[in-house]
Amino acid sequence: MKQINPSTMPTPRGYNNGMLSFAGKILFVAGQIGWDENGNLENGLVAQFERAIQNVLEVVRSAGAHPENIGRLTIYVKDKQEYQSCEKKIGEVYRKHMGKHFPAMSLLVVHDLLEPGALVEIEATAVMP
């Protein structure tokens, strides 16, 4: 994949404006929340974020791809202020699992998520190697 960041736009921080795929197969990963294999939610936003990104990566790896094959992440959070107050820790968790790979990303603040107690949901699109 090739990063697309037009010089006519501000330099992105922690994401890329676009990711150009040269492959033919695409994996769409459904929104993943911060629950374990038994359906128990982790406590707190940072812990839920970490488990959600692990769940996304589990789907990606199960399909035969790797974190660097993710071209797009969409992150849904319920509380903007809580996210901002945890941003540094979330960034550390992100880099722990994704390294320095920054796909095209969107962060949306939503009123609620379907699963009671869920604080974050992450969906992804990956290009198969």
N, C-alpha and C. Protein backbone atom coordinates (compact mmCIF):
# COMPACT_ATOMS: atom_id res chain seq x y z
N MET A 1 0.83 -1.18 0.00
CA MET A 1 0.00 0.00 0.00
C MET A 1 0.88 1.25 0.00
N LYS A 2 0.35 2.29 -0.55
CA LYS A 2 1.07 3.56 -0.63
C LYS A 2 0.29 4.63 0.14
N GLN A 3 1.03 5.38 0.95
CA GLN A 3 0.41 6.48 1.69
C GLN A 3 0.12 7.64 0.75
N ILE A 4 -1.06 8.24 0.89
CA ILE A 4 -1.44 9.39 0.07
C ILE A 4 -1.71 10.57 1.01
N ASN A 5 -0.83 11.56 0.96
CA ASN A 5 -0.96 12.76 1.78
C ASN A 5 -0.66 13.97 0.90
N PRO A 6 -1.69 14.55 0.26
CA PRO A 6 -1.46 15.68 -0.64
C PRO A 6 -0.77 16.85 0.05
N SER A 7 0.14 17.50 -0.66
CA SER A 7 0.86 18.64 -0.10
C SER A 7 -0.04 19.85 0.10
N THR A 8 -1.22 19.82 -0.49
CA THR A 8 -2.17 20.92 -0.35
C THR A 8 -3.01 20.81 0.92
N MET A 9 -2.74 19.78 1.72
CA MET A 9 -3.50 19.56 2.96
C MET A 9 -2.54 19.58 4.14
N PRO A 10 -3.05 19.89 5.34
CA PRO A 10 -2.17 19.83 6.52
C PRO A 10 -1.60 18.42 6.69
N THR A 11 -0.38 18.35 7.21
CA THR A 11 0.26 17.06 7.46
C THR A 11 -0.50 16.32 8.55
N PRO A 12 -0.95 15.10 8.27
CA PRO A 12 -1.69 14.34 9.28
C PRO A 12 -0.77 13.89 10.42
N ARG A 13 -1.35 13.75 11.60
CA ARG A 13 -0.60 13.30 12.77
C ARG A 13 -1.23 12.02 13.30
N GLY A 14 -0.54 10.90 13.19
CA GLY A 14 -1.05 9.64 13.70
C GLY A 14 -1.99 8.91 12.75
N TYR A 15 -2.07 9.34 11.50
CA TYR A 15 -2.89 8.68 10.49
C TYR A 15 -2.41 9.15 9.12
N ASN A 16 -2.93 8.58 8.06
CA ASN A 16 -2.68 9.07 6.70
C ASN A 16 -4.01 9.45 6.08
N ASN A 17 -3.99 10.43 5.19
CA ASN A 17 -5.23 10.86 4.55
C ASN A 17 -5.79 9.79 3.63
N GLY A 18 -4.93 9.02 3.02
CA GLY A 18 -5.38 7.95 2.14
C GLY A 18 -4.36 6.83 2.08
N MET A 19 -4.84 5.64 1.75
CA MET A 19 -3.97 4.49 1.55
C MET A 19 -4.37 3.86 0.22
N LEU A 20 -3.45 3.81 -0.72
CA LEU A 20 -3.72 3.27 -2.04
C LEU A 20 -3.33 1.80 -2.07
N SER A 21 -4.27 0.96 -2.44
CA SER A 21 -4.04 -0.48 -2.49
C SER A 21 -3.69 -0.91 -3.91
N PHE A 22 -2.76 -1.84 -3.99
CA PHE A 22 -2.39 -2.43 -5.27
C PHE A 22 -2.87 -3.88 -5.36
N ALA A 23 -3.52 -4.35 -4.29
CA ALA A 23 -3.97 -5.74 -4.22
C ALA A 23 -5.43 -5.86 -4.64
N GLY A 24 -5.89 -7.09 -4.79
CA GLY A 24 -7.25 -7.31 -5.24
C GLY A 24 -8.23 -7.75 -4.17
N LYS A 25 -7.75 -8.36 -3.10
CA LYS A 25 -8.65 -8.86 -2.06
C LYS A 25 -8.70 -7.89 -0.90
N ILE A 26 -9.91 -7.63 -0.40
CA ILE A 26 -10.09 -6.70 0.71
C ILE A 26 -10.87 -7.42 1.81
N LEU A 27 -10.42 -7.24 3.03
CA LEU A 27 -11.08 -7.79 4.22
C LEU A 27 -11.77 -6.65 4.95
N PHE A 28 -13.07 -6.79 5.17
CA PHE A 28 -13.83 -5.82 5.96
C PHE A 28 -14.04 -6.43 7.34
N VAL A 29 -13.53 -5.77 8.37
CA VAL A 29 -13.64 -6.26 9.73
C VAL A 29 -14.77 -5.50 10.43
N ALA A 30 -15.74 -6.26 10.93
CA ALA A 30 -16.87 -5.66 11.64
C ALA A 30 -16.38 -4.94 12.89
N GLY A 31 -17.19 -4.01 13.37
CA GLY A 31 -16.85 -3.29 14.59
C GLY A 31 -16.57 -4.24 15.74
N GLN A 32 -15.43 -4.05 16.37
CA GLN A 32 -15.01 -4.88 17.49
C GLN A 32 -14.99 -4.03 18.75
N ILE A 33 -15.49 -4.60 19.84
CA ILE A 33 -15.48 -3.89 21.11
C ILE A 33 -14.49 -4.56 22.05
N GLY A 34 -14.36 -4.00 23.23
CA GLY A 34 -13.36 -4.45 24.18
C GLY A 34 -13.78 -5.61 25.05
N TRP A 35 -14.26 -6.67 24.43
CA TRP A 35 -14.62 -7.83 25.24
C TRP A 35 -13.72 -9.01 24.92
N ASP A 36 -13.65 -9.91 25.92
CA ASP A 36 -12.80 -11.09 25.77
C ASP A 36 -13.58 -12.22 25.11
N GLU A 37 -12.93 -13.38 25.02
CA GLU A 37 -13.55 -14.53 24.34
C GLU A 37 -14.81 -15.03 25.02
N ASN A 38 -15.04 -14.63 26.27
CA ASN A 38 -16.26 -15.02 26.99
C ASN A 38 -17.34 -13.95 26.96
N GLY A 39 -17.08 -12.85 26.25
CA GLY A 39 -18.06 -11.78 26.15
C GLY A 39 -18.03 -10.83 27.33
N ASN A 40 -16.96 -10.86 28.13
CA ASN A 40 -16.83 -9.94 29.27
C ASN A 40 -16.06 -8.70 28.83
N LEU A 41 -16.63 -7.54 29.12
CA LEU A 41 -15.97 -6.28 28.77
C LEU A 41 -14.85 -5.96 29.74
N GLU A 42 -13.77 -5.42 29.20
CA GLU A 42 -12.68 -4.91 30.03
C GLU A 42 -13.17 -3.66 30.76
N ASN A 43 -12.47 -3.28 31.82
CA ASN A 43 -12.84 -2.10 32.59
C ASN A 43 -12.08 -0.87 32.11
N GLY A 44 -12.80 0.18 31.77
CA GLY A 44 -12.19 1.44 31.38
C GLY A 44 -11.92 1.55 29.90
N LEU A 45 -11.82 2.80 29.45
CA LEU A 45 -11.66 3.09 28.03
C LEU A 45 -10.35 2.54 27.47
N VAL A 46 -9.23 2.74 28.16
CA VAL A 46 -7.94 2.29 27.63
C VAL A 46 -7.92 0.77 27.50
N ALA A 47 -8.39 0.07 28.51
CA ALA A 47 -8.42 -1.40 28.48
C ALA A 47 -9.36 -1.89 27.38
N GLN A 48 -10.50 -1.23 27.22
CA GLN A 48 -11.42 -1.63 26.15
C GLN A 48 -10.82 -1.33 24.78
N PHE A 49 -10.13 -0.19 24.65
CA PHE A 49 -9.47 0.12 23.38
C PHE A 49 -8.45 -0.96 23.04
N GLU A 50 -7.65 -1.35 24.02
CA GLU A 50 -6.63 -2.36 23.75
C GLU A 50 -7.25 -3.68 23.33
N ARG A 51 -8.29 -4.10 24.03
CA ARG A 51 -8.92 -5.37 23.68
C ARG A 51 -9.60 -5.27 22.31
N ALA A 52 -10.21 -4.13 22.01
CA ALA A 52 -10.87 -3.95 20.72
C ALA A 52 -9.85 -4.03 19.58
N ILE A 53 -8.69 -3.38 19.73
CA ILE A 53 -7.69 -3.44 18.67
C ILE A 53 -7.11 -4.84 18.56
N GLN A 54 -6.98 -5.54 19.69
CA GLN A 54 -6.54 -6.94 19.64
C GLN A 54 -7.55 -7.79 18.89
N ASN A 55 -8.84 -7.54 19.12
CA ASN A 55 -9.88 -8.30 18.43
C ASN A 55 -9.86 -8.03 16.93
N VAL A 56 -9.67 -6.77 16.55
CA VAL A 56 -9.54 -6.43 15.14
C VAL A 56 -8.37 -7.20 14.53
N LEU A 57 -7.24 -7.17 15.22
CA LEU A 57 -6.04 -7.83 14.69
C LEU A 57 -6.19 -9.34 14.66
N GLU A 58 -6.96 -9.89 15.57
CA GLU A 58 -7.23 -11.34 15.54
C GLU A 58 -7.96 -11.72 14.26
N VAL A 59 -8.93 -10.91 13.86
CA VAL A 59 -9.67 -11.17 12.61
C VAL A 59 -8.71 -11.01 11.42
N VAL A 60 -7.92 -9.95 11.43
CA VAL A 60 -6.98 -9.68 10.33
C VAL A 60 -5.99 -10.84 10.18
N ARG A 61 -5.42 -11.27 11.30
CA ARG A 61 -4.44 -12.37 11.25
C ARG A 61 -5.10 -13.69 10.85
N SER A 62 -6.33 -13.90 11.30
CA SER A 62 -7.04 -15.13 10.95
C SER A 62 -7.29 -15.22 9.44
N ALA A 63 -7.35 -14.08 8.79
CA ALA A 63 -7.55 -14.05 7.34
C ALA A 63 -6.23 -14.14 6.58
N GLY A 64 -5.10 -14.14 7.31
CA GLY A 64 -3.81 -14.25 6.67
C GLY A 64 -3.11 -12.93 6.40
N ALA A 65 -3.56 -11.86 7.05
CA ALA A 65 -2.95 -10.55 6.86
C ALA A 65 -2.24 -10.12 8.15
N HIS A 66 -1.69 -8.92 8.13
CA HIS A 66 -0.91 -8.38 9.24
C HIS A 66 -1.36 -6.95 9.53
N PRO A 67 -0.98 -6.40 10.67
CA PRO A 67 -1.40 -5.03 10.99
C PRO A 67 -1.10 -4.03 9.87
N GLU A 68 0.06 -4.17 9.22
CA GLU A 68 0.42 -3.22 8.17
C GLU A 68 -0.43 -3.35 6.92
N ASN A 69 -1.29 -4.37 6.85
CA ASN A 69 -2.21 -4.52 5.73
C ASN A 69 -3.52 -3.75 5.95
N ILE A 70 -3.68 -3.20 7.14
CA ILE A 70 -4.89 -2.41 7.41
C ILE A 70 -4.77 -1.07 6.71
N GLY A 71 -5.74 -0.77 5.88
CA GLY A 71 -5.75 0.48 5.14
C GLY A 71 -6.64 1.54 5.75
N ARG A 72 -7.58 1.11 6.60
CA ARG A 72 -8.52 2.06 7.20
C ARG A 72 -8.99 1.54 8.56
N LEU A 73 -9.03 2.44 9.53
CA LEU A 73 -9.62 2.17 10.84
C LEU A 73 -10.67 3.23 11.12
N THR A 74 -11.79 2.80 11.64
CA THR A 74 -12.80 3.74 12.13
C THR A 74 -13.01 3.42 13.60
N ILE A 75 -12.84 4.44 14.42
CA ILE A 75 -12.94 4.29 15.87
C ILE A 75 -14.14 5.10 16.34
N TYR A 76 -15.01 4.43 17.07
CA TYR A 76 -16.20 5.07 17.63
C TYR A 76 -16.02 5.12 19.15
N VAL A 77 -16.16 6.30 19.74
CA VAL A 77 -16.08 6.44 21.20
C VAL A 77 -17.34 7.14 21.70
N LYS A 78 -17.70 6.83 22.93
CA LYS A 78 -18.89 7.43 23.53
C LYS A 78 -18.60 8.77 24.20
N ASP A 79 -17.37 8.99 24.65
CA ASP A 79 -17.07 10.18 25.45
C ASP A 79 -15.80 10.85 24.92
N LYS A 80 -15.98 11.98 24.26
CA LYS A 80 -14.86 12.70 23.66
C LYS A 80 -13.87 13.17 24.73
N GLN A 81 -14.37 13.70 25.82
CA GLN A 81 -13.48 14.19 26.88
C GLN A 81 -12.67 13.06 27.50
N GLU A 82 -13.29 11.92 27.72
CA GLU A 82 -12.57 10.79 28.27
C GLU A 82 -11.50 10.32 27.29
N TYR A 83 -11.84 10.27 26.01
CA TYR A 83 -10.86 9.88 25.00
C TYR A 83 -9.67 10.83 25.03
N GLN A 84 -9.95 12.13 25.04
CA GLN A 84 -8.88 13.11 25.03
C GLN A 84 -8.01 13.02 26.29
N SER A 85 -8.62 12.73 27.42
CA SER A 85 -7.84 12.61 28.65
C SER A 85 -6.98 11.35 28.66
N CYS A 86 -7.35 10.35 27.88
CA CYS A 86 -6.61 9.08 27.81
C CYS A 86 -5.78 8.97 26.53
N GLU A 87 -5.73 10.04 25.76
CA GLU A 87 -5.13 9.98 24.43
C GLU A 87 -3.69 9.46 24.44
N LYS A 88 -2.88 9.88 25.39
CA LYS A 88 -1.48 9.43 25.44
C LYS A 88 -1.41 7.91 25.69
N LYS A 89 -2.19 7.42 26.64
CA LYS A 89 -2.19 5.98 26.94
C LYS A 89 -2.75 5.19 25.77
N ILE A 90 -3.78 5.71 25.12
CA ILE A 90 -4.35 5.05 23.95
C ILE A 90 -3.31 4.99 22.83
N GLY A 91 -2.56 6.08 22.66
CA GLY A 91 -1.50 6.10 21.66
C GLY A 91 -0.44 5.04 21.94
N GLU A 92 -0.08 4.87 23.21
CA GLU A 92 0.89 3.84 23.58
C GLU A 92 0.35 2.44 23.27
N VAL A 93 -0.92 2.22 23.58
CA VAL A 93 -1.54 0.92 23.28
C VAL A 93 -1.57 0.69 21.77
N TYR A 94 -1.94 1.73 21.04
CA TYR A 94 -1.99 1.63 19.58
C TYR A 94 -0.63 1.19 19.03
N ARG A 95 0.43 1.90 19.43
CA ARG A 95 1.76 1.59 18.90
C ARG A 95 2.24 0.21 19.35
N LYS A 96 1.83 -0.23 20.53
CA LYS A 96 2.19 -1.56 21.01
C LYS A 96 1.68 -2.64 20.05
N HIS A 97 0.49 -2.44 19.49
CA HIS A 97 -0.13 -3.45 18.63
C HIS A 97 0.02 -3.16 17.13
N MET A 98 0.08 -1.89 16.76
CA MET A 98 0.13 -1.52 15.34
C MET A 98 1.51 -1.01 14.91
N GLY A 99 2.41 -0.81 15.86
CA GLY A 99 3.71 -0.26 15.52
C GLY A 99 3.58 1.15 15.01
N LYS A 100 4.35 1.46 13.98
CA LYS A 100 4.32 2.80 13.40
C LYS A 100 3.49 2.83 12.11
N HIS A 101 2.58 1.87 11.99
CA HIS A 101 1.69 1.82 10.83
C HIS A 101 0.45 2.66 11.14
N PHE A 102 0.24 3.71 10.35
CA PHE A 102 -0.89 4.59 10.56
C PHE A 102 -1.75 4.63 9.30
N PRO A 103 -2.83 3.83 9.27
CA PRO A 103 -3.71 3.85 8.09
C PRO A 103 -4.57 5.11 8.07
N ALA A 104 -5.40 5.20 7.06
CA ALA A 104 -6.40 6.26 7.06
C ALA A 104 -7.33 5.97 8.24
N MET A 105 -7.61 6.99 9.06
CA MET A 105 -8.42 6.79 10.26
C MET A 105 -9.46 7.87 10.43
N SER A 106 -10.56 7.46 11.05
CA SER A 106 -11.59 8.40 11.48
C SER A 106 -11.93 8.08 12.91
N LEU A 107 -12.15 9.12 13.70
CA LEU A 107 -12.59 8.97 15.08
C LEU A 107 -13.92 9.68 15.19
N LEU A 108 -14.95 8.94 15.58
CA LEU A 108 -16.28 9.51 15.70
C LEU A 108 -16.77 9.39 17.13
N VAL A 109 -17.40 10.43 17.61
CA VAL A 109 -18.04 10.41 18.92
C VAL A 109 -19.51 10.08 18.68
N VAL A 110 -19.97 9.02 19.35
CA VAL A 110 -21.34 8.56 19.16
C VAL A 110 -22.11 8.64 20.48
N HIS A 111 -23.40 8.71 20.37
CA HIS A 111 -24.26 8.78 21.55
C HIS A 111 -24.18 7.50 22.38
N ASP A 112 -24.17 6.37 21.70
CA ASP A 112 -24.15 5.09 22.40
C ASP A 112 -23.66 4.01 21.44
N LEU A 113 -23.31 2.86 22.03
CA LEU A 113 -22.95 1.66 21.26
C LEU A 113 -23.94 0.57 21.63
N LEU A 114 -24.11 -0.40 20.77
CA LEU A 114 -25.14 -1.41 20.96
C LEU A 114 -24.96 -2.22 22.25
N GLU A 115 -23.73 -2.65 22.51
CA GLU A 115 -23.48 -3.50 23.68
C GLU A 115 -23.43 -2.64 24.95
N PRO A 116 -24.28 -2.94 25.94
CA PRO A 116 -24.25 -2.17 27.19
C PRO A 116 -22.86 -2.21 27.83
N GLY A 117 -22.35 -1.05 28.21
CA GLY A 117 -21.05 -0.95 28.86
C GLY A 117 -19.90 -0.75 27.91
N ALA A 118 -20.12 -0.90 26.59
CA ALA A 118 -19.05 -0.68 25.63
C ALA A 118 -18.74 0.81 25.53
N LEU A 119 -17.45 1.15 25.57
CA LEU A 119 -17.02 2.54 25.51
C LEU A 119 -16.37 2.91 24.18
N VAL A 120 -15.94 1.88 23.44
CA VAL A 120 -15.25 2.09 22.17
C VAL A 120 -15.54 0.92 21.25
N GLU A 121 -15.59 1.21 19.95
CA GLU A 121 -15.75 0.17 18.94
C GLU A 121 -14.84 0.53 17.78
N ILE A 122 -14.15 -0.47 17.24
CA ILE A 122 -13.20 -0.23 16.14
C ILE A 122 -13.52 -1.17 14.99
N GLU A 123 -13.62 -0.61 13.79
CA GLU A 123 -13.77 -1.42 12.59
C GLU A 123 -12.61 -1.13 11.66
N ALA A 124 -12.34 -2.08 10.76
CA ALA A 124 -11.16 -1.95 9.90
C ALA A 124 -11.44 -2.47 8.50
N THR A 125 -10.62 -1.99 7.58
CA THR A 125 -10.56 -2.54 6.23
C THR A 125 -9.10 -2.86 5.97
N ALA A 126 -8.84 -4.10 5.58
CA ALA A 126 -7.48 -4.54 5.31
C ALA A 126 -7.38 -5.03 3.88
N VAL A 127 -6.21 -4.83 3.29
CA VAL A 127 -5.91 -5.31 1.95
C VAL A 127 -5.04 -6.54 2.11
N MET A 128 -5.51 -7.63 1.58
CA MET A 128 -4.80 -8.90 1.74
C MET A 128 -3.48 -8.89 0.99
N PRO A 129 -2.43 -9.47 1.62
CA PRO A 129 -1.11 -9.48 0.95
C PRO A 129 -1.11 -10.43 -0.24
